[in-house]
Amino acid sequence: MDATELYRKVMLTISGSRLVERLTLKYCKRMARKFIAGDTLPEALEETERLNRLGIMVTLDHLGEGIASLDQADGYKEQYLRLLEGIAERKANANVSLKPTQMGLSLEPEAATAMCGRSRPKRRSLAISCVWIWRIPRLPRLRSI
């Protein structure tokens, strides 16, 4: 096992730890605040509007990658679709960054590809111009949507 693979396994393991989550929330939230638009969808959309009024375009994503089941991935997909709807309703100058690992890439690549593709009709119907899909090294390449 090389260093990259070891690092990835450690990160994915601790990402599901409740202790790590509590410690992170307790000690790191203040430092990270300027990079986090909000803890809820309405908070994130309000911050997006505030930044838009300052002339700043926003890229939003939903934190969390260490999923253990495709049911969790489906939940994240639904949250991303609500995010797209919120951006469209507010006519925000924003795009979305979608992580394939959050859609189940490390569990079932074909299912993840299908889940990522499900944002395409919603994005088009809402006139969202861009959904970024980040490629993870050493994992299958996903087609751009």
Protein backbone atom coordinates (compact mmCIF):
# COMPACT_ATOMS: atom_id res chain seq x y z
CA MET A 1 0.00 0.00 0.00
CA ASP A 2 1.46 3.34 -1.02
CA ALA A 3 1.27 6.55 1.04
CA THR A 4 -1.61 8.00 -1.01
CA GLU A 5 -3.75 4.91 -0.53
CA LEU A 6 -2.94 4.81 3.19
CA TYR A 7 -3.79 8.51 3.59
CA ARG A 8 -7.09 8.01 1.75
CA LYS A 9 -8.06 5.06 3.96
CA VAL A 10 -7.22 6.99 7.14
CA MET A 11 -9.20 10.03 6.00
CA LEU A 12 -12.24 7.98 5.03
CA THR A 13 -12.08 6.08 8.33
CA ILE A 14 -11.93 9.16 10.55
CA SER A 15 -14.55 10.96 8.44
CA GLY A 16 -17.19 8.65 9.91
CA SER A 17 -16.06 9.08 13.52
CA ARG A 18 -18.52 10.85 15.84
CA LEU A 19 -15.62 11.84 18.13
CA VAL A 20 -13.74 13.47 15.25
CA GLU A 21 -16.95 15.23 14.21
CA ARG A 22 -17.55 16.64 17.71
CA LEU A 23 -13.93 17.77 18.10
CA THR A 24 -13.95 19.37 14.68
CA LEU A 25 -17.18 21.21 15.37
CA LYS A 26 -15.95 22.36 18.75
CA TYR A 27 -12.47 23.57 17.80
CA CYS A 28 -12.37 24.23 14.07
CA LYS A 29 -15.72 25.80 13.26
CA ARG A 30 -14.59 29.35 14.01
CA MET A 31 -11.52 29.02 11.77
CA ALA A 32 -13.47 27.44 8.93
CA ARG A 33 -16.46 29.80 9.14
CA LYS A 34 -15.33 32.04 6.30
CA PHE A 35 -15.30 29.00 3.99
CA ILE A 36 -18.66 27.57 5.07
CA ALA A 37 -21.77 29.31 3.79
CA GLY A 38 -24.05 27.83 6.44
CA ASP A 39 -25.10 24.80 8.44
CA THR A 40 -28.46 24.58 6.70
CA LEU A 41 -29.67 25.09 3.15
CA PRO A 42 -31.47 28.38 3.96
CA GLU A 43 -28.33 29.72 5.70
CA ALA A 44 -26.15 28.77 2.71
CA LEU A 45 -28.55 30.39 0.26
CA GLU A 46 -28.77 33.58 2.35
CA GLU A 47 -24.96 33.80 2.45
CA THR A 48 -24.86 33.16 -1.29
CA GLU A 49 -27.22 36.08 -1.87
CA ARG A 50 -25.11 38.30 0.41
CA LEU A 51 -21.95 37.42 -1.53
CA ASN A 52 -23.75 37.90 -4.86
CA ARG A 53 -24.72 41.44 -3.77
CA LEU A 54 -20.97 42.08 -3.34
CA GLY A 55 -20.38 40.84 -6.89
CA ILE A 56 -18.99 37.46 -5.83
CA MET A 57 -20.06 34.26 -7.58
CA VAL A 58 -20.36 31.23 -5.30
CA THR A 59 -19.64 27.52 -5.63
CA LEU A 60 -21.58 25.39 -3.16
CA ASP A 61 -21.20 21.79 -2.11
CA HIS A 62 -22.51 19.59 0.66
CA LEU A 63 -19.81 18.39 3.04
CA GLY A 64 -19.34 14.69 3.64
CA GLU A 65 -17.78 11.95 1.57
CA GLY A 66 -17.31 8.91 3.81
CA ILE A 67 -20.49 7.07 2.92
CA ALA A 68 -21.10 3.42 3.78
CA SER A 69 -24.16 2.68 1.62
CA LEU A 70 -25.90 3.70 -1.56
CA ASP A 71 -28.86 4.78 0.60
CA GLN A 72 -26.62 7.48 2.08
CA ALA A 73 -25.55 8.45 -1.44
CA ASP A 74 -29.19 8.73 -2.46
CA GLY A 75 -29.78 11.06 0.51
CA TYR A 76 -26.90 13.28 -0.61
CA LYS A 77 -28.28 13.28 -4.16
CA GLU A 78 -31.63 14.52 -2.85
CA GLN A 79 -29.87 17.27 -0.85
CA TYR A 80 -28.00 18.36 -3.97
CA LEU A 81 -31.25 18.50 -5.95
CA ARG A 82 -32.79 20.71 -3.22
CA LEU A 83 -29.68 22.89 -3.40
CA LEU A 84 -30.14 23.27 -7.18
CA GLU A 85 -33.80 24.20 -6.64
CA GLY A 86 -32.83 26.80 -4.01
CA ILE A 87 -30.25 28.37 -6.32
CA ALA A 88 -32.82 28.60 -9.11
CA GLU A 89 -35.60 29.99 -6.88
CA ARG A 90 -33.35 32.78 -5.65
CA LYS A 91 -31.77 33.31 -9.08
CA ALA A 92 -28.41 33.11 -7.31
CA ASN A 93 -25.14 33.49 -9.18
CA ALA A 94 -23.86 30.10 -8.05
CA ASN A 95 -22.85 26.69 -9.22
CA VAL A 96 -22.56 23.36 -7.44
CA SER A 97 -19.59 21.11 -6.81
CA LEU A 98 -20.60 17.46 -6.64
CA LYS A 99 -18.22 14.80 -5.30
CA PRO A 100 -18.54 11.38 -6.97
CA THR A 101 -17.38 9.63 -3.79
CA GLN A 102 -20.40 11.14 -2.06
CA MET A 103 -22.57 9.56 -4.75
CA GLY A 104 -21.12 6.10 -4.06
CA LEU A 105 -18.15 5.94 -6.44
CA SER A 106 -16.02 3.87 -4.05
CA LEU A 107 -18.94 1.47 -3.43
CA GLU A 108 -20.40 0.97 -6.92
CA PRO A 109 -18.94 3.10 -9.74
CA GLU A 110 -21.87 2.41 -12.09
CA ALA A 111 -24.43 3.47 -9.49
CA ALA A 112 -22.44 6.63 -8.75
CA THR A 113 -22.29 7.52 -12.44
CA ALA A 114 -26.06 7.10 -12.70
CA MET A 115 -26.64 9.16 -9.55
CA CYS A 116 -24.43 12.00 -10.81
CA GLY A 117 -26.29 11.94 -14.12
CA ARG A 118 -29.64 12.37 -12.36
CA SER A 119 -28.79 16.01 -11.70
CA ARG A 120 -28.70 16.75 -15.46
CA PRO A 121 -32.49 17.03 -16.11
CA LYS A 122 -33.00 19.03 -12.90
CA ARG A 123 -30.10 21.33 -13.74
CA ARG A 124 -31.49 21.94 -17.23
CA SER A 125 -35.06 22.51 -16.05
CA LEU A 126 -33.83 25.04 -13.50
CA ALA A 127 -31.43 26.75 -15.95
CA ILE A 128 -28.41 26.04 -13.74
CA SER A 129 -25.36 26.50 -15.90
CA CYS A 130 -22.84 24.32 -14.13
CA VAL A 131 -22.54 21.31 -11.85
CA TRP A 132 -18.89 20.50 -11.24
CA ILE A 133 -18.04 16.84 -10.82
CA TRP A 134 -14.64 16.33 -9.26
CA ARG A 135 -12.57 13.36 -10.37
CA ILE A 136 -10.75 11.38 -7.71
CA PRO A 137 -7.31 10.05 -8.78
CA ARG A 138 -7.10 6.30 -9.40
CA LEU A 139 -10.86 5.92 -9.63
CA PRO A 140 -12.85 5.57 -12.84
CA ARG A 141 -13.35 8.74 -14.88
CA LEU A 142 -16.93 9.98 -14.97
CA ARG A 143 -18.40 11.63 -18.00
CA SER A 144 -19.08 15.34 -17.74
CA ILE A 145 -22.72 16.26 -17.31
